[in-house]
Amino acid sequence: MGWYRQAPGKQRELVAEFTTRGSTNYADSVKGRFT
């Protein structure tokens, strides 16, 4: 499960997620800023 975002004129992209391995993953653009 996780969060995605879509800006005008752009494709939907992953922002942050819980992975099936039990860890978290963040887009490089939000690392250190989003939790």
ModelCIF file with pLDDT and N, C-alpha, C, O atoms, coordinates in Angstrom:
data_MODEL
#
_entry.id   MODEL 
#
_entity.id                         1 
_entity.type                       polymer 
_entity.pdbx_number_of_molecules   1 
#
_entity_poly.entity_id                      1 
_entity_poly.type                           'polypeptide(L)' 
_entity_poly.nstd_linkage                   no 
_entity_poly.nstd_monomer                   no 
_entity_poly.pdbx_seq_one_letter_code       MGWYRQAPGKQRELVAEFTTRGSTNYADSVKGRFT 
_entity_poly.pdbx_seq_one_letter_code_can   MGWYRQAPGKQRELVAEFTTRGSTNYADSVKGRFT 
_entity_poly.pdbx_strand_id                 A 
#
loop_
_entity_poly_seq.entity_id 
_entity_poly_seq.num 
_entity_poly_seq.mon_id 
_entity_poly_seq.hetero 
1 1  MET n 
1 2  GLY n 
1 3  TRP n 
1 4  TYR n 
1 5  ARG n 
1 6  GLN n 
1 7  ALA n 
1 8  PRO n 
1 9  GLY n 
1 10 LYS n 
1 11 GLN n 
1 12 ARG n 
1 13 GLU n 
1 14 LEU n 
1 15 VAL n 
1 16 ALA n 
1 17 GLU n 
1 18 PHE n 
1 19 THR n 
1 20 THR n 
1 21 ARG n 
1 22 GLY n 
1 23 SER n 
1 24 THR n 
1 25 ASN n 
1 26 TYR n 
1 27 ALA n 
1 28 ASP n 
1 29 SER n 
1 30 VAL n 
1 31 LYS n 
1 32 GLY n 
1 33 ARG n 
1 34 PHE n 
1 35 THR n 
#
_struct_asym.id          A 
_struct_asym.entity_id   1 
#
loop_
_ma_qa_metric.id 
_ma_qa_metric.mode 
_ma_qa_metric.name 
_ma_qa_metric.software_group_id 
_ma_qa_metric.type 
1 global pLDDT . pLDDT 
2 local  pLDDT . pLDDT 
#
_ma_qa_metric_global.metric_id      1 
_ma_qa_metric_global.metric_value   95.49 
_ma_qa_metric_global.model_id       1 
_ma_qa_metric_global.ordinal_id     1 
#
loop_
_ma_qa_metric_local.label_asym_id 
_ma_qa_metric_local.label_comp_id 
_ma_qa_metric_local.label_seq_id 
_ma_qa_metric_local.metric_id 
_ma_qa_metric_local.metric_value 
_ma_qa_metric_local.model_id 
_ma_qa_metric_local.ordinal_id 
A MET 1  2 95.00 1 1  
A GLY 2  2 97.00 1 2  
A TRP 3  2 98.00 1 3  
A TYR 4  2 98.00 1 4  
A ARG 5  2 98.00 1 5  
A GLN 6  2 98.00 1 6  
A ALA 7  2 97.00 1 7  
A PRO 8  2 92.00 1 8  
A GLY 9  2 95.00 1 9  
A LYS 10 2 97.00 1 10 
A GLN 11 2 97.00 1 11 
A ARG 12 2 97.00 1 12 
A GLU 13 2 98.00 1 13 
A LEU 14 2 98.00 1 14 
A VAL 15 2 98.00 1 15 
A ALA 16 2 98.00 1 16 
A GLU 17 2 97.00 1 17 
A PHE 18 2 95.00 1 18 
A THR 19 2 89.00 1 19 
A THR 20 2 83.00 1 20 
A ARG 21 2 83.00 1 21 
A GLY 22 2 81.00 1 22 
A SER 23 2 92.00 1 23 
A THR 24 2 96.00 1 24 
A ASN 25 2 96.00 1 25 
A TYR 26 2 98.00 1 26 
A ALA 27 2 98.00 1 27 
A ASP 28 2 98.00 1 28 
A SER 29 2 98.00 1 29 
A VAL 30 2 98.00 1 30 
A LYS 31 2 98.00 1 31 
A GLY 32 2 97.00 1 32 
A ARG 33 2 98.00 1 33 
A PHE 34 2 98.00 1 34 
A THR 35 2 98.00 1 35 
#
loop_
_atom_site.group_PDB 
_atom_site.id 
_atom_site.type_symbol 
_atom_site.label_atom_id 
_atom_site.label_alt_id 
_atom_site.label_comp_id 
_atom_site.label_asym_id 
_atom_site.label_entity_id 
_atom_site.label_seq_id 
_atom_site.pdbx_PDB_ins_code 
_atom_site.Cartn_x 
_atom_site.Cartn_y 
_atom_site.Cartn_z 
_atom_site.occupancy 
_atom_site.B_iso_or_equiv 
_atom_site.pdbx_formal_charge 
_atom_site.auth_seq_id 
_atom_site.auth_comp_id 
_atom_site.auth_asym_id 
_atom_site.auth_atom_id 
_atom_site.pdbx_PDB_model_num 
ATOM 1   N N  . MET A 1 1  ? 0.840  -1.172 0.000   1.00 95.00 ? 1  MET A N  1 
ATOM 2   C CA . MET A 1 1  ? 0.000  0.000  0.000   1.00 95.00 ? 1  MET A CA 1 
ATOM 3   C C  . MET A 1 1  ? 0.881  1.228  0.000   1.00 95.00 ? 1  MET A C  1 
ATOM 4   O O  . MET A 1 1  ? 2.026  1.192  0.449   1.00 95.00 ? 1  MET A O  1 
ATOM 5   N N  . GLY A 1 2  ? 0.330  2.314  -0.509  1.00 97.00 ? 2  GLY A N  1 
ATOM 6   C CA . GLY A 1 2  ? 1.157  3.505  -0.567  1.00 97.00 ? 2  GLY A CA 1 
ATOM 7   C C  . GLY A 1 2  ? 0.439  4.705  -1.140  1.00 97.00 ? 2  GLY A C  1 
ATOM 8   O O  . GLY A 1 2  ? -0.782 4.706  -1.301  1.00 97.00 ? 2  GLY A O  1 
ATOM 9   N N  . TRP A 1 3  ? 1.213  5.721  -1.443  1.00 98.00 ? 3  TRP A N  1 
ATOM 10  C CA . TRP A 1 3  ? 0.714  6.981  -1.972  1.00 98.00 ? 3  TRP A CA 1 
ATOM 11  C C  . TRP A 1 3  ? 1.329  7.239  -3.354  1.00 98.00 ? 3  TRP A C  1 
ATOM 12  O O  . TRP A 1 3  ? 2.517  7.009  -3.579  1.00 98.00 ? 3  TRP A O  1 
ATOM 13  N N  . TYR A 1 4  ? 0.493  7.718  -4.261  1.00 98.00 ? 4  TYR A N  1 
ATOM 14  C CA . TYR A 1 4  ? 0.919  8.140  -5.588  1.00 98.00 ? 4  TYR A CA 1 
ATOM 15  C C  . TYR A 1 4  ? 0.447  9.573  -5.797  1.00 98.00 ? 4  TYR A C  1 
ATOM 16  O O  . TYR A 1 4  ? -0.391 10.078 -5.050  1.00 98.00 ? 4  TYR A O  1 
ATOM 17  N N  . ARG A 1 5  ? 0.987  10.213 -6.809  1.00 98.00 ? 5  ARG A N  1 
ATOM 18  C CA . ARG A 1 5  ? 0.521  11.551 -7.155  1.00 98.00 ? 5  ARG A CA 1 
ATOM 19  C C  . ARG A 1 5  ? 0.557  11.748 -8.661  1.00 98.00 ? 5  ARG A C  1 
ATOM 20  O O  . ARG A 1 5  ? 1.313  11.095 -9.381  1.00 98.00 ? 5  ARG A O  1 
ATOM 21  N N  . GLN A 1 6  ? -0.276 12.659 -9.109  1.00 98.00 ? 6  GLN A N  1 
ATOM 22  C CA . GLN A 1 6  ? -0.326 12.982 -10.534 1.00 98.00 ? 6  GLN A CA 1 
ATOM 23  C C  . GLN A 1 6  ? -0.453 14.482 -10.704 1.00 98.00 ? 6  GLN A C  1 
ATOM 24  O O  . GLN A 1 6  ? -1.445 15.086 -10.294 1.00 98.00 ? 6  GLN A O  1 
ATOM 25  N N  . ALA A 1 7  ? 0.551  15.072 -11.306 1.00 97.00 ? 7  ALA A N  1 
ATOM 26  C CA . ALA A 1 7  ? 0.546  16.495 -11.600 1.00 97.00 ? 7  ALA A CA 1 
ATOM 27  C C  . ALA A 1 7  ? -0.066 16.713 -12.983 1.00 97.00 ? 7  ALA A C  1 
ATOM 28  O O  . ALA A 1 7  ? -0.074 15.792 -13.799 1.00 97.00 ? 7  ALA A O  1 
ATOM 29  N N  . PRO A 1 8  ? -0.573 17.900 -13.257 1.00 92.00 ? 8  PRO A N  1 
ATOM 30  C CA . PRO A 1 8  ? -1.177 18.177 -14.565 1.00 92.00 ? 8  PRO A CA 1 
ATOM 31  C C  . PRO A 1 8  ? -0.218 17.883 -15.707 1.00 92.00 ? 8  PRO A C  1 
ATOM 32  O O  . PRO A 1 8  ? 0.923  18.345 -15.706 1.00 92.00 ? 8  PRO A O  1 
ATOM 33  N N  . GLY A 1 9  ? -0.686 17.114 -16.677 1.00 95.00 ? 9  GLY A N  1 
ATOM 34  C CA . GLY A 1 9  ? 0.124  16.793 -17.839 1.00 95.00 ? 9  GLY A CA 1 
ATOM 35  C C  . GLY A 1 9  ? 1.182  15.743 -17.616 1.00 95.00 ? 9  GLY A C  1 
ATOM 36  O O  . GLY A 1 9  ? 1.987  15.469 -18.506 1.00 95.00 ? 9  GLY A O  1 
ATOM 37  N N  . LYS A 1 10 ? 1.190  15.146 -16.431 1.00 97.00 ? 10 LYS A N  1 
ATOM 38  C CA . LYS A 1 10 ? 2.211  14.137 -16.126 1.00 97.00 ? 10 LYS A CA 1 
ATOM 39  C C  . LYS A 1 10 ? 1.557  12.817 -15.761 1.00 97.00 ? 10 LYS A C  1 
ATOM 40  O O  . LYS A 1 10 ? 0.370  12.761 -15.443 1.00 97.00 ? 10 LYS A O  1 
ATOM 41  N N  . GLN A 1 11 ? 2.351  11.759 -15.812 1.00 97.00 ? 11 GLN A N  1 
ATOM 42  C CA . GLN A 1 11 ? 1.856  10.452 -15.423 1.00 97.00 ? 11 GLN A CA 1 
ATOM 43  C C  . GLN A 1 11 ? 1.815  10.328 -13.903 1.00 97.00 ? 11 GLN A C  1 
ATOM 44  O O  . GLN A 1 11 ? 2.533  11.019 -13.179 1.00 97.00 ? 11 GLN A O  1 
ATOM 45  N N  . ARG A 1 12 ? 0.957  9.433  -13.450 1.00 97.00 ? 12 ARG A N  1 
ATOM 46  C CA . ARG A 1 12 ? 0.895  9.152  -12.022 1.00 97.00 ? 12 ARG A CA 1 
ATOM 47  C C  . ARG A 1 12 ? 2.212  8.508  -11.598 1.00 97.00 ? 12 ARG A C  1 
ATOM 48  O O  . ARG A 1 12 ? 2.744  7.639  -12.288 1.00 97.00 ? 12 ARG A O  1 
ATOM 49  N N  . GLU A 1 13 ? 2.728  8.950  -10.451 1.00 98.00 ? 13 GLU A N  1 
ATOM 50  C CA . GLU A 1 13 ? 4.009  8.431  -9.989  1.00 98.00 ? 13 GLU A CA 1 
ATOM 51  C C  . GLU A 1 13 ? 3.929  8.018  -8.524  1.00 98.00 ? 13 GLU A C  1 
ATOM 52  O O  . GLU A 1 13 ? 3.133  8.543  -7.746  1.00 98.00 ? 13 GLU A O  1 
ATOM 53  N N  . LEU A 1 14 ? 4.776  7.066  -8.180  1.00 98.00 ? 14 LEU A N  1 
ATOM 54  C CA . LEU A 1 14 ? 4.861  6.621  -6.803  1.00 98.00 ? 14 LEU A CA 1 
ATOM 55  C C  . LEU A 1 14 ? 5.502  7.707  -5.952  1.00 98.00 ? 14 LEU A C  1 
ATOM 56  O O  . LEU A 1 14 ? 6.500  8.314  -6.339  1.00 98.00 ? 14 LEU A O  1 
ATOM 57  N N  . VAL A 1 15 ? 4.911  7.938  -4.788  1.00 98.00 ? 15 VAL A N  1 
ATOM 58  C CA . VAL A 1 15 ? 5.496  8.871  -3.832  1.00 98.00 ? 15 VAL A CA 1 
ATOM 59  C C  . VAL A 1 15 ? 6.151  8.099  -2.693  1.00 98.00 ? 15 VAL A C  1 
ATOM 60  O O  . VAL A 1 15 ? 7.325  8.307  -2.389  1.00 98.00 ? 15 VAL A O  1 
ATOM 61  N N  . ALA A 1 16 ? 5.397  7.216  -2.071  1.00 98.00 ? 16 ALA A N  1 
ATOM 62  C CA . ALA A 1 16 ? 5.905  6.433  -0.947  1.00 98.00 ? 16 ALA A CA 1 
ATOM 63  C C  . ALA A 1 16 ? 5.049  5.185  -0.809  1.00 98.00 ? 16 ALA A C  1 
ATOM 64  O O  . ALA A 1 16 ? 3.869  5.182  -1.161  1.00 98.00 ? 16 ALA A O  1 
ATOM 65  N N  . GLU A 1 17 ? 5.658  4.129  -0.293  1.00 97.00 ? 17 GLU A N  1 
ATOM 66  C CA . GLU A 1 17 ? 4.913  2.884  -0.178  1.00 97.00 ? 17 GLU A CA 1 
ATOM 67  C C  . GLU A 1 17 ? 5.476  1.997  0.921   1.00 97.00 ? 17 GLU A C  1 
ATOM 68  O O  . GLU A 1 17 ? 6.641  2.094  1.305   1.00 97.00 ? 17 GLU A O  1 
ATOM 69  N N  . PHE A 1 18 ? 4.602  1.130  1.409   1.00 95.00 ? 18 PHE A N  1 
ATOM 70  C CA . PHE A 1 18 ? 5.018  -0.001 2.228   1.00 95.00 ? 18 PHE A CA 1 
ATOM 71  C C  . PHE A 1 18 ? 5.172  -1.165 1.259   1.00 95.00 ? 18 PHE A C  1 
ATOM 72  O O  . PHE A 1 18 ? 4.257  -1.463 0.492   1.00 95.00 ? 18 PHE A O  1 
ATOM 73  N N  . THR A 1 19 ? 6.296  -1.807 1.291   1.00 89.00 ? 19 THR A N  1 
ATOM 74  C CA . THR A 1 19 ? 6.528  -2.904 0.356   1.00 89.00 ? 19 THR A CA 1 
ATOM 75  C C  . THR A 1 19 ? 6.091  -4.230 0.973   1.00 89.00 ? 19 THR A C  1 
ATOM 76  O O  . THR A 1 19 ? 5.881  -4.337 2.181   1.00 89.00 ? 19 THR A O  1 
ATOM 77  N N  . THR A 1 20 ? 5.962  -5.220 0.123   1.00 83.00 ? 20 THR A N  1 
ATOM 78  C CA . THR A 1 20 ? 5.574  -6.547 0.593   1.00 83.00 ? 20 THR A CA 1 
ATOM 79  C C  . THR A 1 20 ? 6.645  -7.160 1.477   1.00 83.00 ? 20 THR A C  1 
ATOM 80  O O  . THR A 1 20 ? 6.384  -8.138 2.178   1.00 83.00 ? 20 THR A O  1 
ATOM 81  N N  . ARG A 1 21 ? 7.842  -6.600 1.452   1.00 83.00 ? 21 ARG A N  1 
ATOM 82  C CA . ARG A 1 21 ? 8.918  -7.091 2.315   1.00 83.00 ? 21 ARG A CA 1 
ATOM 83  C C  . ARG A 1 21 ? 8.904  -6.423 3.674   1.00 83.00 ? 21 ARG A C  1 
ATOM 84  O O  . ARG A 1 21 ? 9.759  -6.691 4.518   1.00 83.00 ? 21 ARG A O  1 
ATOM 85  N N  . GLY A 1 22 ? 7.908  -5.533 3.884   1.00 81.00 ? 22 GLY A N  1 
ATOM 86  C CA . GLY A 1 22 ? 7.785  -4.909 5.190   1.00 81.00 ? 22 GLY A CA 1 
ATOM 87  C C  . GLY A 1 22 ? 8.603  -3.658 5.375   1.00 81.00 ? 22 GLY A C  1 
ATOM 88  O O  . GLY A 1 22 ? 8.725  -3.145 6.487   1.00 81.00 ? 22 GLY A O  1 
ATOM 89  N N  . SER A 1 23 ? 9.168  -3.160 4.285   1.00 92.00 ? 23 SER A N  1 
ATOM 90  C CA . SER A 1 23 ? 9.957  -1.935 4.376   1.00 92.00 ? 23 SER A CA 1 
ATOM 91  C C  . SER A 1 23 ? 9.196  -0.793 3.705   1.00 92.00 ? 23 SER A C  1 
ATOM 92  O O  . SER A 1 23 ? 8.087  -0.976 3.203   1.00 92.00 ? 23 SER A O  1 
ATOM 93  N N  . THR A 1 24 ? 9.809  0.376  3.709   1.00 96.00 ? 24 THR A N  1 
ATOM 94  C CA . THR A 1 24 ? 9.220  1.532  3.036   1.00 96.00 ? 24 THR A CA 1 
ATOM 95  C C  . THR A 1 24 ? 10.108 1.953  1.876   1.00 96.00 ? 24 THR A C  1 
ATOM 96  O O  . THR A 1 24 ? 11.315 1.709  1.864   1.00 96.00 ? 24 THR A O  1 
ATOM 97  N N  . ASN A 1 25 ? 9.484  2.582  0.918   1.00 96.00 ? 25 ASN A N  1 
ATOM 98  C CA . ASN A 1 25 ? 10.200 3.028  -0.264  1.00 96.00 ? 25 ASN A CA 1 
ATOM 99  C C  . ASN A 1 25 ? 9.688  4.415  -0.630  1.00 96.00 ? 25 ASN A C  1 
ATOM 100 O O  . ASN A 1 25 ? 8.484  4.670  -0.588  1.00 96.00 ? 25 ASN A O  1 
ATOM 101 N N  . TYR A 1 26 ? 10.599 5.306  -0.988  1.00 98.00 ? 26 TYR A N  1 
ATOM 102 C CA . TYR A 1 26 ? 10.228 6.681  -1.312  1.00 98.00 ? 26 TYR A CA 1 
ATOM 103 C C  . TYR A 1 26 ? 10.796 7.082  -2.667  1.00 98.00 ? 26 TYR A C  1 
ATOM 104 O O  . TYR A 1 26 ? 11.865 6.629  -3.077  1.00 98.00 ? 26 TYR A O  1 
ATOM 105 N N  . ALA A 1 27 ? 10.062 7.932  -3.338  1.00 98.00 ? 27 ALA A N  1 
ATOM 106 C CA . ALA A 1 27 ? 10.603 8.549  -4.543  1.00 98.00 ? 27 ALA A CA 1 
ATOM 107 C C  . ALA A 1 27 ? 11.774 9.442  -4.144  1.00 98.00 ? 27 ALA A C  1 
ATOM 108 O O  . ALA A 1 27 ? 11.763 10.053 -3.076  1.00 98.00 ? 27 ALA A O  1 
ATOM 109 N N  . ASP A 1 28 ? 12.769 9.510  -4.997  1.00 98.00 ? 28 ASP A N  1 
ATOM 110 C CA . ASP A 1 28 ? 13.942 10.326 -4.680  1.00 98.00 ? 28 ASP A CA 1 
ATOM 111 C C  . ASP A 1 28 ? 13.570 11.779 -4.408  1.00 98.00 ? 28 ASP A C  1 
ATOM 112 O O  . ASP A 1 28 ? 14.196 12.443 -3.582  1.00 98.00 ? 28 ASP A O  1 
ATOM 113 N N  . SER A 1 29 ? 12.560 12.261 -5.097  1.00 98.00 ? 29 SER A N  1 
ATOM 114 C CA . SER A 1 29 ? 12.175 13.664 -4.974  1.00 98.00 ? 29 SER A CA 1 
ATOM 115 C C  . SER A 1 29 ? 11.577 14.018 -3.618  1.00 98.00 ? 29 SER A C  1 
ATOM 116 O O  . SER A 1 29 ? 11.482 15.196 -3.274  1.00 98.00 ? 29 SER A O  1 
ATOM 117 N N  . VAL A 1 30 ? 11.172 13.012 -2.841  1.00 98.00 ? 30 VAL A N  1 
ATOM 118 C CA . VAL A 1 30 ? 10.543 13.300 -1.549  1.00 98.00 ? 30 VAL A CA 1 
ATOM 119 C C  . VAL A 1 30 ? 11.318 12.727 -0.373  1.00 98.00 ? 30 VAL A C  1 
ATOM 120 O O  . VAL A 1 30 ? 10.929 12.935 0.776   1.00 98.00 ? 30 VAL A O  1 
ATOM 121 N N  . LYS A 1 31 ? 12.397 12.018 -0.631  1.00 98.00 ? 31 LYS A N  1 
ATOM 122 C CA . LYS A 1 31 ? 13.177 11.425 0.455   1.00 98.00 ? 31 LYS A CA 1 
ATOM 123 C C  . LYS A 1 31 ? 13.662 12.506 1.413   1.00 98.00 ? 31 LYS A C  1 
ATOM 124 O O  . LYS A 1 31 ? 14.172 13.549 1.004   1.00 98.00 ? 31 LYS A O  1 
ATOM 125 N N  . GLY A 1 32 ? 13.486 12.224 2.687   1.00 97.00 ? 32 GLY A N  1 
ATOM 126 C CA . GLY A 1 32 ? 13.911 13.173 3.706   1.00 97.00 ? 32 GLY A CA 1 
ATOM 127 C C  . GLY A 1 32 ? 12.878 14.244 4.014   1.00 97.00 ? 32 GLY A C  1 
ATOM 128 O O  . GLY A 1 32 ? 13.021 14.987 4.985   1.00 97.00 ? 32 GLY A O  1 
ATOM 129 N N  . ARG A 1 33 ? 11.834 14.326 3.190   1.00 98.00 ? 33 ARG A N  1 
ATOM 130 C CA . ARG A 1 33 ? 10.799 15.344 3.411   1.00 98.00 ? 33 ARG A CA 1 
ATOM 131 C C  . ARG A 1 33 ? 9.435  14.716 3.728   1.00 98.00 ? 33 ARG A C  1 
ATOM 132 O O  . ARG A 1 33 ? 8.660  15.280 4.499   1.00 98.00 ? 33 ARG A O  1 
ATOM 133 N N  . PHE A 1 34 ? 9.147  13.574 3.149   1.00 98.00 ? 34 PHE A N  1 
ATOM 134 C CA . PHE A 1 34 ? 7.857  12.916 3.345   1.00 98.00 ? 34 PHE A CA 1 
ATOM 135 C C  . PHE A 1 34 ? 8.057  11.638 4.168   1.00 98.00 ? 34 PHE A C  1 
ATOM 136 O O  . PHE A 1 34 ? 9.093  10.979 4.084   1.00 98.00 ? 34 PHE A O  1 
ATOM 137 N N  . THR A 1 35 ? 7.042  11.314 4.959   1.00 98.00 ? 35 THR A N  1 
ATOM 138 C CA . THR A 1 35 ? 7.071  10.096 5.757   1.00 98.00 ? 35 THR A CA 1 
ATOM 139 C C  . THR A 1 35 ? 5.737  9.386  5.653   1.00 98.00 ? 35 THR A C  1 
ATOM 140 O O  . THR A 1 35 ? 5.552  8.329  6.257   1.00 98.00 ? 35 THR A O  1 
#
